Amino acid sequence: MRKLNQYAGWLAIATCLISLLMLRFVPPVFTGWTNVIVAPGQTLWSLAEKCPANPWDVVNAIAAQNHISPDEPLQPGEVLQVPTKTSPFWTRLVFSFEGGNHA
């Protein structure tokens, strides 16, 4: 019985560690956006580095929000919506339903 409790304890610890590692692969949810006028020489990457999140996630979010390709070169004077804020870390654990009633 003692050995079974020991295995259960190790299994619980391993499950928690794996769960925390999996959160690393869940992209953040951006909750604040602002309009930015693209300056000469700016790229999606240079805009993304100013946001407090993983730049890869930010580049993809900017591209999706503005309906452009992440590889597409930016034109000076172009207006893009850029994220300014991410939702709290723990909200990644919660599933949400968008639109309509889900009864």
PDB file of N, CA and C in Angstrom:
ATOM      1  N   MET A   1       0.825  -1.196   0.000  1.00  0.00           N
ATOM      2  CA  MET A   1       0.000   0.000   0.000  1.00  0.00           C
ATOM      3  C   MET A   1       0.868   1.259   0.000  1.00  0.00           C
ATOM      4  N   ARG A   2       1.955   1.205   0.769  1.00  0.00           N
ATOM      5  CA  ARG A   2       2.846   2.361   0.854  1.00  0.00           C
ATOM      6  C   ARG A   2       3.458   2.669  -0.521  1.00  0.00           C
ATOM      7  N   LYS A   3       3.824   1.614  -1.257  1.00  0.00           N
ATOM      8  CA  LYS A   3       4.413   1.777  -2.584  1.00  0.00           C
ATOM      9  C   LYS A   3       3.391   2.387  -3.547  1.00  0.00           C
ATOM     10  N   LEU A   4       2.125   1.985  -3.425  1.00  0.00           N
ATOM     11  CA  LEU A   4       1.061   2.526  -4.266  1.00  0.00           C
ATOM     12  C   LEU A   4       0.883   4.025  -4.022  1.00  0.00           C
ATOM     13  N   ASN A   5       0.923   4.441  -2.759  1.00  0.00           N
ATOM     14  CA  ASN A   5       0.814   5.867  -2.431  1.00  0.00           C
ATOM     15  C   ASN A   5       1.994   6.654  -2.998  1.00  0.00           C
ATOM     16  N   GLN A   6       3.167   6.051  -2.962  1.00  0.00           N
ATOM     17  CA  GLN A   6       4.353   6.705  -3.500  1.00  0.00           C
ATOM     18  C   GLN A   6       4.203   6.905  -5.009  1.00  0.00           C
ATOM     19  N   TYR A   7       3.732   5.883  -5.712  1.00  0.00           N
ATOM     20  CA  TYR A   7       3.515   6.004  -7.155  1.00  0.00           C
ATOM     21  C   TYR A   7       2.437   7.038  -7.472  1.00  0.00           C
ATOM     22  N   ALA A   8       1.387   7.073  -6.682  1.00  0.00           N
ATOM     23  CA  ALA A   8       0.308   8.047  -6.894  1.00  0.00           C
ATOM     24  C   ALA A   8       0.836   9.468  -6.719  1.00  0.00           C
ATOM     25  N   GLY A   9       1.698   9.657  -5.737  1.00  0.00           N
ATOM     26  CA  GLY A   9       2.295  10.976  -5.514  1.00  0.00           C
ATOM     27  C   GLY A   9       3.155  11.417  -6.687  1.00  0.00           C
ATOM     28  N   TRP A  10       3.999  10.505  -7.175  1.00  0.00           N
ATOM     29  CA  TRP A  10       4.850  10.826  -8.324  1.00  0.00           C
ATOM     30  C   TRP A  10       4.022  11.083  -9.578  1.00  0.00           C
ATOM     31  N   LEU A  11       2.943  10.327  -9.732  1.00  0.00           N
ATOM     32  CA  LEU A  11       2.057  10.525 -10.878  1.00  0.00           C
ATOM     33  C   LEU A  11       1.393  11.900 -10.820  1.00  0.00           C
ATOM     34  N   ALA A  12       0.981  12.322  -9.632  1.00  0.00           N
ATOM     35  CA  ALA A  12       0.359  13.645  -9.473  1.00  0.00           C
ATOM     36  C   ALA A  12       1.356  14.753  -9.809  1.00  0.00           C
ATOM     37  N   ILE A  13       2.577  14.618  -9.341  1.00  0.00           N
ATOM     38  CA  ILE A  13       3.610  15.624  -9.627  1.00  0.00           C
ATOM     39  C   ILE A  13       3.904  15.673 -11.125  1.00  0.00           C
ATOM     40  N   ALA A  14       4.048  14.511 -11.746  1.00  0.00           N
ATOM     41  CA  ALA A  14       4.330  14.461 -13.188  1.00  0.00           C
ATOM     42  C   ALA A  14       3.186  15.077 -13.987  1.00  0.00           C
ATOM     43  N   THR A  15       1.954  14.810 -13.582  1.00  0.00           N
ATOM     44  CA  THR A  15       0.793  15.375 -14.275  1.00  0.00           C
ATOM     45  C   THR A  15       0.788  16.896 -14.185  1.00  0.00           C
ATOM     46  N   CYS A  16       1.087  17.429 -13.011  1.00  0.00           N
ATOM     47  CA  CYS A  16       1.143  18.892 -12.846  1.00  0.00           C
ATOM     48  C   CYS A  16       2.238  19.503 -13.715  1.00  0.00           C
ATOM     49  N   LEU A  17       3.409  18.890 -13.734  1.00  0.00           N
ATOM     50  CA  LEU A  17       4.511  19.421 -14.538  1.00  0.00           C
ATOM     51  C   LEU A  17       4.184  19.393 -16.026  1.00  0.00           C
ATOM     52  N   ILE A  18       3.601  18.307 -16.484  1.00  0.00           N
ATOM     53  CA  ILE A  18       3.234  18.205 -17.901  1.00  0.00           C
ATOM     54  C   ILE A  18       2.176  19.244 -18.249  1.00  0.00           C
ATOM     55  N   SER A  19       1.212  19.453 -17.353  1.00  0.00           N
ATOM     56  CA  SER A  19       0.169  20.456 -17.596  1.00  0.00           C
ATOM     57  C   SER A  19       0.769  21.852 -17.714  1.00  0.00           C
ATOM     58  N   LEU A  20       1.709  22.182 -16.838  1.00  0.00           N
ATOM     59  CA  LEU A  20       2.344  23.497 -16.905  1.00  0.00           C
ATOM     60  C   LEU A  20       3.160  23.659 -18.183  1.00  0.00           C
ATOM     61  N   LEU A  21       3.836  22.603 -18.605  1.00  0.00           N
ATOM     62  CA  LEU A  21       4.599  22.672 -19.848  1.00  0.00           C
ATOM     63  C   LEU A  21       3.680  22.841 -21.056  1.00  0.00           C
ATOM     64  N   MET A  22       2.517  22.223 -21.028  1.00  0.00           N
ATOM     65  CA  MET A  22       1.567  22.340 -22.137  1.00  0.00           C
ATOM     66  C   MET A  22       1.062  23.774 -22.284  1.00  0.00           C
ATOM     67  N   LEU A  23       0.947  24.504 -21.174  1.00  0.00           N
ATOM     68  CA  LEU A  23       0.494  25.893 -21.240  1.00  0.00           C
ATOM     69  C   LEU A  23       1.452  26.755 -22.054  1.00  0.00           C
ATOM     70  N   ARG A  24       2.682  26.353 -22.113  1.00  0.00           N
ATOM     71  CA  ARG A  24       3.686  27.095 -22.887  1.00  0.00           C
ATOM     72  C   ARG A  24       3.303  27.142 -24.365  1.00  0.00           C
ATOM     73  N   PHE A  25       2.567  26.138 -24.822  1.00  0.00           N
ATOM     74  CA  PHE A  25       2.217  26.051 -26.233  1.00  0.00           C
ATOM     75  C   PHE A  25       0.852  26.648 -26.548  1.00  0.00           C
ATOM     76  N   VAL A  26       0.154  27.147 -25.530  1.00  0.00           N
ATOM     77  CA  VAL A  26      -1.142  27.788 -25.749  1.00  0.00           C
ATOM     78  C   VAL A  26      -0.881  29.272 -25.983  1.00  0.00           C
ATOM     79  N   PRO A  27      -1.238  29.803 -27.155  1.00  0.00           N
ATOM     80  CA  PRO A  27      -0.945  31.209 -27.428  1.00  0.00           C
ATOM     81  C   PRO A  27      -1.753  32.143 -26.539  1.00  0.00           C
ATOM     82  N   PRO A  28      -1.230  33.327 -26.267  1.00  0.00           N
ATOM     83  CA  PRO A  28      -1.951  34.279 -25.427  1.00  0.00           C
ATOM     84  C   PRO A  28      -3.169  34.844 -26.148  1.00  0.00           C
ATOM     85  N   VAL A  29      -4.082  35.387 -25.370  1.00  0.00           N
ATOM     86  CA  VAL A  29      -5.246  36.078 -25.918  1.00  0.00           C
ATOM     87  C   VAL A  29      -4.969  37.567 -25.759  1.00  0.00           C
ATOM     88  N   PHE A  30      -5.019  38.290 -26.852  1.00  0.00           N
ATOM     89  CA  PHE A  30      -4.754  39.722 -26.809  1.00  0.00           C
ATOM     90  C   PHE A  30      -6.059  40.464 -26.579  1.00  0.00           C
ATOM     91  N   THR A  31      -6.076  41.335 -25.562  1.00  0.00           N
ATOM     92  CA  THR A  31      -7.311  42.018 -25.184  1.00  0.00           C
ATOM     93  C   THR A  31      -7.289  43.508 -25.484  1.00  0.00           C
ATOM     94  N   GLY A  32      -6.140  44.075 -25.738  1.00  0.00           N
ATOM     95  CA  GLY A  32      -6.050  45.496 -26.056  1.00  0.00           C
ATOM     96  C   GLY A  32      -5.369  45.699 -27.396  1.00  0.00           C
ATOM     97  N   TRP A  33      -5.929  46.572 -28.215  1.00  0.00           N
ATOM     98  CA  TRP A  33      -5.372  46.838 -29.543  1.00  0.00           C
ATOM     99  C   TRP A  33      -5.289  48.343 -29.750  1.00  0.00           C
ATOM    100  N   THR A  34      -4.287  48.775 -30.504  1.00  0.00           N
ATOM    101  CA  THR A  34      -4.155  50.186 -30.852  1.00  0.00           C
ATOM    102  C   THR A  34      -3.755  50.292 -32.314  1.00  0.00           C
ATOM    103  N   ASN A  35      -4.082  51.415 -32.924  1.00  0.00           N
ATOM    104  CA  ASN A  35      -3.689  51.657 -34.313  1.00  0.00           C
ATOM    105  C   ASN A  35      -2.279  52.220 -34.350  1.00  0.00           C
ATOM    106  N   VAL A  36      -1.469  51.683 -35.237  1.00  0.00           N
ATOM    107  CA  VAL A  36      -0.086  52.127 -35.406  1.00  0.00           C
ATOM    108  C   VAL A  36       0.128  52.449 -36.875  1.00  0.00           C
ATOM    109  N   ILE A  37       0.779  53.582 -37.133  1.00  0.00           N
ATOM    110  CA  ILE A  37       1.143  53.945 -38.505  1.00  0.00           C
ATOM    111  C   ILE A  37       2.547  53.412 -38.756  1.00  0.00           C
ATOM    112  N   VAL A  38       2.672  52.605 -39.782  1.00  0.00           N
ATOM    113  CA  VAL A  38       3.950  51.958 -40.096  1.00  0.00           C
ATOM    114  C   VAL A  38       4.955  53.000 -40.579  1.00  0.00           C
ATOM    115  N   ALA A  39       6.128  52.987 -39.955  1.00  0.00           N
ATOM    116  CA  ALA A  39       7.222  53.874 -40.347  1.00  0.00           C
ATOM    117  C   ALA A  39       8.105  53.152 -41.367  1.00  0.00           C
ATOM    118  N   PRO A  40       8.883  53.898 -42.146  1.00  0.00           N
ATOM    119  CA  PRO A  40       9.783  53.250 -43.108  1.00  0.00           C
ATOM    120  C   PRO A  40      10.725  52.266 -42.407  1.00  0.00           C
ATOM    121  N   GLY A  41      10.847  51.081 -42.978  1.00  0.00           N
ATOM    122  CA  GLY A  41      11.747  50.072 -42.438  1.00  0.00           C
ATOM    123  C   GLY A  41      11.147  49.191 -41.351  1.00  0.00           C
ATOM    124  N   GLN A  42       9.947  49.506 -40.893  1.00  0.00           N
ATOM    125  CA  GLN A  42       9.333  48.672 -39.859  1.00  0.00           C
ATOM    126  C   GLN A  42       8.833  47.360 -40.445  1.00  0.00           C
ATOM    127  N   THR A  43       8.894  46.330 -39.625  1.00  0.00           N
ATOM    128  CA  THR A  43       8.405  45.008 -40.010  1.00  0.00           C
ATOM    129  C   THR A  43       7.413  44.539 -38.946  1.00  0.00           C
ATOM    130  N   LEU A  44       6.710  43.473 -39.261  1.00  0.00           N
ATOM    131  CA  LEU A  44       5.822  42.903 -38.248  1.00  0.00           C
ATOM    132  C   LEU A  44       6.628  42.499 -37.014  1.00  0.00           C
ATOM    133  N   TRP A  45       7.820  41.981 -37.248  1.00  0.00           N
ATOM    134  CA  TRP A  45       8.660  41.555 -36.130  1.00  0.00           C
ATOM    135  C   TRP A  45       9.045  42.736 -35.241  1.00  0.00           C
ATOM    136  N   SER A  46       9.436  43.862 -35.833  1.00  0.00           N
ATOM    137  CA  SER A  46       9.828  45.019 -35.017  1.00  0.00           C
ATOM    138  C   SER A  46       8.638  45.566 -34.233  1.00  0.00           C
ATOM    139  N   LEU A  47       7.442  45.492 -34.805  1.00  0.00           N
ATOM    140  CA  LEU A  47       6.242  45.898 -34.068  1.00  0.00           C
ATOM    141  C   LEU A  47       5.944  44.901 -32.946  1.00  0.00           C
ATOM    142  N   ALA A  48       6.136  43.626 -33.227  1.00  0.00           N
ATOM    143  CA  ALA A  48       5.822  42.577 -32.254  1.00  0.00           C
ATOM    144  C   ALA A  48       6.742  42.624 -31.041  1.00  0.00           C
ATOM    145  N   GLU A  49       7.979  43.032 -31.230  1.00  0.00           N
ATOM    146  CA  GLU A  49       8.930  43.068 -30.120  1.00  0.00           C
ATOM    147  C   GLU A  49       8.547  44.080 -29.050  1.00  0.00           C
ATOM    148  N   LYS A  50       7.668  45.015 -29.377  1.00  0.00           N
ATOM    149  CA  LYS A  50       7.247  46.035 -28.411  1.00  0.00           C
ATOM    150  C   LYS A  50       6.126  45.542 -27.501  1.00  0.00           C
ATOM    151  N   CYS A  51       5.534  44.414 -27.831  1.00  0.00           N
ATOM    152  CA  CYS A  51       4.425  43.858 -27.050  1.00  0.00           C
ATOM    153  C   CYS A  51       4.972  42.872 -26.017  1.00  0.00           C
ATOM    154  N   PRO A  52       4.390  42.863 -24.808  1.00  0.00           N
ATOM    155  CA  PRO A  52       4.893  41.959 -23.763  1.00  0.00           C
ATOM    156  C   PRO A  52       4.409  40.518 -23.942  1.00  0.00           C
ATOM    157  N   ALA A  53       4.798  39.899 -25.030  1.00  0.00           N
ATOM    158  CA  ALA A  53       4.433  38.502 -25.300  1.00  0.00           C
ATOM    159  C   ALA A  53       5.465  37.935 -26.268  1.00  0.00           C
ATOM    160  N   ASN A  54       5.372  36.658 -26.532  1.00  0.00           N
ATOM    161  CA  ASN A  54       6.271  36.008 -27.476  1.00  0.00           C
ATOM    162  C   ASN A  54       6.100  36.657 -28.857  1.00  0.00           C
ATOM    163  N   PRO A  55       7.169  37.201 -29.449  1.00  0.00           N
ATOM    164  CA  PRO A  55       7.040  37.884 -30.745  1.00  0.00           C
ATOM    165  C   PRO A  55       6.409  37.036 -31.845  1.00  0.00           C
ATOM    166  N   TRP A  56       6.649  35.718 -31.844  1.00  0.00           N
ATOM    167  CA  TRP A  56       6.031  34.864 -32.871  1.00  0.00           C
ATOM    168  C   TRP A  56       4.513  34.919 -32.758  1.00  0.00           C
ATOM    169  N   ASP A  57       4.006  34.849 -31.522  1.00  0.00           N
ATOM    170  CA  ASP A  57       2.558  34.912 -31.311  1.00  0.00           C
ATOM    171  C   ASP A  57       2.004  36.274 -31.715  1.00  0.00           C
ATOM    172  N   VAL A  58       2.761  37.329 -31.416  1.00  0.00           N
ATOM    173  CA  VAL A  58       2.306  38.687 -31.732  1.00  0.00           C
ATOM    174  C   VAL A  58       2.277  38.902 -33.244  1.00  0.00           C
ATOM    175  N   VAL A  59       3.301  38.451 -33.952  1.00  0.00           N
ATOM    176  CA  VAL A  59       3.325  38.579 -35.420  1.00  0.00           C
ATOM    177  C   VAL A  59       2.098  37.905 -36.019  1.00  0.00           C
ATOM    178  N   ASN A  60       1.805  36.696 -35.570  1.00  0.00           N
ATOM    179  CA  ASN A  60       0.637  35.981 -36.096  1.00  0.00           C
ATOM    180  C   ASN A  60      -0.666  36.684 -35.739  1.00  0.00           C
ATOM    181  N   ALA A  61      -0.742  37.255 -34.537  1.00  0.00           N
ATOM    182  CA  ALA A  61      -1.952  37.971 -34.125  1.00  0.00           C
ATOM    183  C   ALA A  61      -2.143  39.247 -34.944  1.00  0.00           C
ATOM    184  N   ILE A  62      -1.061  39.988 -35.180  1.00  0.00           N
ATOM    185  CA  ILE A  62      -1.155  41.210 -35.994  1.00  0.00           C
ATOM    186  C   ILE A  62      -1.602  40.853 -37.405  1.00  0.00           C
ATOM    187  N   ALA A  63      -1.006  39.828 -37.971  1.00  0.00           N
ATOM    188  CA  ALA A  63      -1.366  39.412 -39.332  1.00  0.00           C
ATOM    189  C   ALA A  63      -2.836  39.013 -39.404  1.00  0.00           C
ATOM    190  N   ALA A  64      -3.300  38.241 -38.435  1.00  0.00           N
ATOM    191  CA  ALA A  64      -4.700  37.804 -38.442  1.00  0.00           C
ATOM    192  C   ALA A  64      -5.647  38.985 -38.241  1.00  0.00           C
ATOM    193  N   GLN A  65      -5.315  39.868 -37.317  1.00  0.00           N
ATOM    194  CA  GLN A  65      -6.181  41.017 -37.016  1.00  0.00           C
ATOM    195  C   GLN A  65      -6.308  41.957 -38.216  1.00  0.00           C
ATOM    196  N   ASN A  66      -5.232  42.075 -38.988  1.00  0.00           N
ATOM    197  CA  ASN A  66      -5.214  43.010 -40.112  1.00  0.00           C
ATOM    198  C   ASN A  66      -5.418  42.329 -41.467  1.00  0.00           C
ATOM    199  N   HIS A  67      -5.701  41.031 -41.446  1.00  0.00           N
ATOM    200  CA  HIS A  67      -5.972  40.257 -42.667  1.00  0.00           C
ATOM    201  C   HIS A  67      -4.835  40.372 -43.684  1.00  0.00           C
ATOM    202  N   ILE A  68      -3.608  40.168 -43.177  1.00  0.00           N
ATOM    203  CA  ILE A  68      -2.432  40.180 -44.049  1.00  0.00           C
ATOM    204  C   ILE A  68      -1.627  38.907 -43.790  1.00  0.00           C
ATOM    205  N   SER A  69      -0.694  38.636 -44.673  1.00  0.00           N
ATOM    206  CA  SER A  69       0.190  37.490 -44.497  1.00  0.00           C
ATOM    207  C   SER A  69       1.345  37.896 -43.574  1.00  0.00           C
ATOM    208  N   PRO A  70       1.788  37.000 -42.682  1.00  0.00           N
ATOM    209  CA  PRO A  70       2.930  37.328 -41.827  1.00  0.00           C
ATOM    210  C   PRO A  70       4.204  37.632 -42.620  1.00  0.00           C
ATOM    211  N   ASP A  71       4.287  37.142 -43.866  1.00  0.00           N
ATOM    212  CA  ASP A  71       5.473  37.372 -44.704  1.00  0.00           C
ATOM    213  C   ASP A  71       5.378  38.665 -45.509  1.00  0.00           C
ATOM    214  N   GLU A  72       4.203  39.240 -45.549  1.00  0.00           N
ATOM    215  CA  GLU A  72       3.965  40.406 -46.403  1.00  0.00           C
ATOM    216  C   GLU A  72       4.757  41.620 -45.915  1.00  0.00           C
ATOM    217  N   PRO A  73       5.506  42.284 -46.812  1.00  0.00           N
ATOM    218  CA  PRO A  73       6.227  43.493 -46.397  1.00  0.00           C
ATOM    219  C   PRO A  73       5.236  44.619 -46.098  1.00  0.00           C
ATOM    220  N   LEU A  74       5.568  45.425 -45.102  1.00  0.00           N
ATOM    221  CA  LEU A  74       4.694  46.535 -44.717  1.00  0.00           C
ATOM    222  C   LEU A  74       5.029  47.777 -45.532  1.00  0.00           C
ATOM    223  N   GLN A  75       4.011  48.568 -45.794  1.00  0.00           N
ATOM    224  CA  GLN A  75       4.186  49.812 -46.545  1.00  0.00           C
ATOM    225  C   GLN A  75       4.189  50.988 -45.573  1.00  0.00           C
ATOM    226  N   PRO A  76       5.163  51.906 -45.673  1.00  0.00           N
ATOM    227  CA  PRO A  76       5.161  53.087 -44.810  1.00  0.00           C
ATOM    228  C   PRO A  76       3.839  53.843 -44.957  1.00  0.00           C
ATOM    229  N   GLY A  77       3.293  54.273 -43.824  1.00  0.00           N
ATOM    230  CA  GLY A  77       2.024  54.984 -43.822  1.00  0.00           C
ATOM    231  C   GLY A  77       0.824  54.073 -43.626  1.00  0.00           C
ATOM    232  N   GLU A  78       1.025  52.774 -43.784  1.00  0.00           N
ATOM    233  CA  GLU A  78      -0.050  51.799 -43.583  1.00  0.00           C
ATOM    234  C   GLU A  78      -0.464  51.816 -42.106  1.00  0.00           C
ATOM    235  N   VAL A  79      -1.755  51.692 -41.845  1.00  0.00           N
ATOM    236  CA  VAL A  79      -2.260  51.675 -40.473  1.00  0.00           C
ATOM    237  C   VAL A  79      -2.590  50.230 -40.096  1.00  0.00           C
ATOM    238  N   LEU A  80      -1.981  49.772 -39.007  1.00  0.00           N
ATOM    239  CA  LEU A  80      -2.201  48.408 -38.529  1.00  0.00           C
ATOM    240  C   LEU A  80      -2.704  48.433 -37.093  1.00  0.00           C
ATOM    241  N   GLN A  81      -3.530  47.465 -36.756  1.00  0.00           N
ATOM    242  CA  GLN A  81      -3.909  47.273 -35.362  1.00  0.00           C
ATOM    243  C   GLN A  81      -2.875  46.354 -34.728  1.00  0.00           C
ATOM    244  N   VAL A  82      -2.337  46.798 -33.592  1.00  0.00           N
ATOM    245  CA  VAL A  82      -1.271  46.078 -32.903  1.00  0.00           C
ATOM    246  C   VAL A  82      -1.717  45.834 -31.460  1.00  0.00           C
ATOM    247  N   PRO A  83      -1.472  44.633 -30.917  1.00  0.00           N
ATOM    248  CA  PRO A  83      -1.894  44.364 -29.540  1.00  0.00           C
ATOM    249  C   PRO A  83      -1.080  45.163 -28.528  1.00  0.00           C
ATOM    250  N   THR A  84      -1.763  45.576 -27.468  1.00  0.00           N
ATOM    251  CA  THR A  84      -1.099  46.320 -26.401  1.00  0.00           C
ATOM    252  C   THR A  84      -1.164  45.586 -25.075  1.00  0.00           C
ATOM    253  N   LYS A  85      -2.069  44.615 -24.993  1.00  0.00           N
ATOM    254  CA  LYS A  85      -2.293  43.955 -23.714  1.00  0.00           C
ATOM    255  C   LYS A  85      -2.687  42.495 -23.945  1.00  0.00           C
ATOM    256  N   THR A  86      -2.226  41.633 -23.067  1.00  0.00           N
ATOM    257  CA  THR A  86      -2.635  40.228 -23.123  1.00  0.00           C
ATOM    258  C   THR A  86      -3.505  39.919 -21.916  1.00  0.00           C
ATOM    259  N   SER A  87      -4.337  38.911 -22.059  1.00  0.00           N
ATOM    260  CA  SER A  87      -5.170  38.498 -20.929  1.00  0.00           C
ATOM    261  C   SER A  87      -4.285  37.809 -19.896  1.00  0.00           C
ATOM    262  N   PRO A  88      -4.733  37.754 -18.647  1.00  0.00           N
ATOM    263  CA  PRO A  88      -3.934  37.092 -17.606  1.00  0.00           C
ATOM    264  C   PRO A  88      -3.642  35.636 -17.959  1.00  0.00           C
ATOM    265  N   PHE A  89      -2.524  35.169 -17.470  1.00  0.00           N
ATOM    266  CA  PHE A  89      -2.043  33.817 -17.756  1.00  0.00           C
ATOM    267  C   PHE A  89      -3.085  32.749 -17.430  1.00  0.00           C
ATOM    268  N   TRP A  90      -3.754  32.888 -16.284  1.00  0.00           N
ATOM    269  CA  TRP A  90      -4.686  31.845 -15.850  1.00  0.00           C
ATOM    270  C   TRP A  90      -5.898  31.716 -16.758  1.00  0.00           C
ATOM    271  N   THR A  91      -6.220  32.760 -17.535  1.00  0.00           N
ATOM    272  CA  THR A  91      -7.396  32.671 -18.402  1.00  0.00           C
ATOM    273  C   THR A  91      -7.173  31.704 -19.560  1.00  0.00           C
ATOM    274  N   ARG A  92      -5.941  31.322 -19.799  1.00  0.00           N
ATOM    275  CA  ARG A  92      -5.680  30.327 -20.842  1.00  0.00           C
ATOM    276  C   ARG A  92      -6.231  28.959 -20.451  1.00  0.00           C
ATOM    277  N   LEU A  93      -6.504  28.781 -19.166  1.00  0.00           N
ATOM    278  CA  LEU A  93      -7.027  27.513 -18.686  1.00  0.00           C
ATOM    279  C   LEU A  93      -8.533  27.400 -18.866  1.00  0.00           C
ATOM    280  N   VAL A  94      -9.174  28.519 -19.156  1.00  0.00           N
ATOM    281  CA  VAL A  94     -10.631  28.560 -19.219  1.00  0.00           C
ATOM    282  C   VAL A  94     -11.080  28.522 -20.672  1.00  0.00           C
ATOM    283  N   PHE A  95     -12.018  27.674 -20.974  1.00  0.00           N
ATOM    284  CA  PHE A  95     -12.586  27.621 -22.313  1.00  0.00           C
ATOM    285  C   PHE A  95     -13.727  28.616 -22.378  1.00  0.00           C
ATOM    286  N   SER A  96     -13.817  29.373 -23.456  1.00  0.00           N
ATOM    287  CA  SER A  96     -14.905  30.341 -23.587  1.00  0.00           C
ATOM    288  C   SER A  96     -15.667  30.065 -24.867  1.00  0.00           C
ATOM    289  N   PHE A  97     -16.922  30.435 -24.845  1.00  0.00           N
ATOM    290  CA  PHE A  97     -17.775  30.308 -26.019  1.00  0.00           C
ATOM    291  C   PHE A  97     -18.007  31.699 -26.565  1.00  0.00           C
ATOM    292  N   GLU A  98     -17.879  31.862 -27.866  1.00  0.00           N
ATOM    293  CA  GLU A  98     -18.094  33.163 -28.483  1.00  0.00           C
ATOM    294  C   GLU A  98     -19.424  33.175 -29.202  1.00  0.00           C
ATOM    295  N   GLY A  99     -20.212  34.188 -28.911  1.00  0.00           N
ATOM    296  CA  GLY A  99     -21.478  34.405 -29.603  1.00  0.00           C
ATOM    297  C   GLY A  99     -22.548  33.392 -29.267  1.00  0.00           C
ATOM    298  N   GLY A 100     -23.769  33.868 -29.214  1.00  0.00           N
ATOM    299  CA  GLY A 100     -24.925  32.990 -29.031  1.00  0.00           C
ATOM    300  C   GLY A 100     -25.039  32.402 -27.643  1.00  0.00           C
ATOM    301  N   ASN A 101     -26.162  31.765 -27.417  1.00  0.00           N
ATOM    302  CA  ASN A 101     -26.401  31.082 -26.147  1.00  0.00           C
ATOM    303  C   ASN A 101     -25.980  29.633 -26.265  1.00  0.00           C
ATOM    304  N   HIS A 102     -25.329  29.159 -25.257  1.00  0.00           N
ATOM    305  CA  HIS A 102     -24.891  27.764 -25.243  1.00  0.00           C
ATOM    306  C   HIS A 102     -25.497  27.084 -24.027  1.00  0.00           C
ATOM    307  N   ALA A 103     -26.776  26.830 -24.090  1.00  0.00           N
ATOM    308  CA  ALA A 103     -27.461  26.236 -22.940  1.00  0.00           C
ATOM    309  C   ALA A 103     -27.527  24.738 -23.054  1.00  0.00           C
TER     310      ALA A 103
END
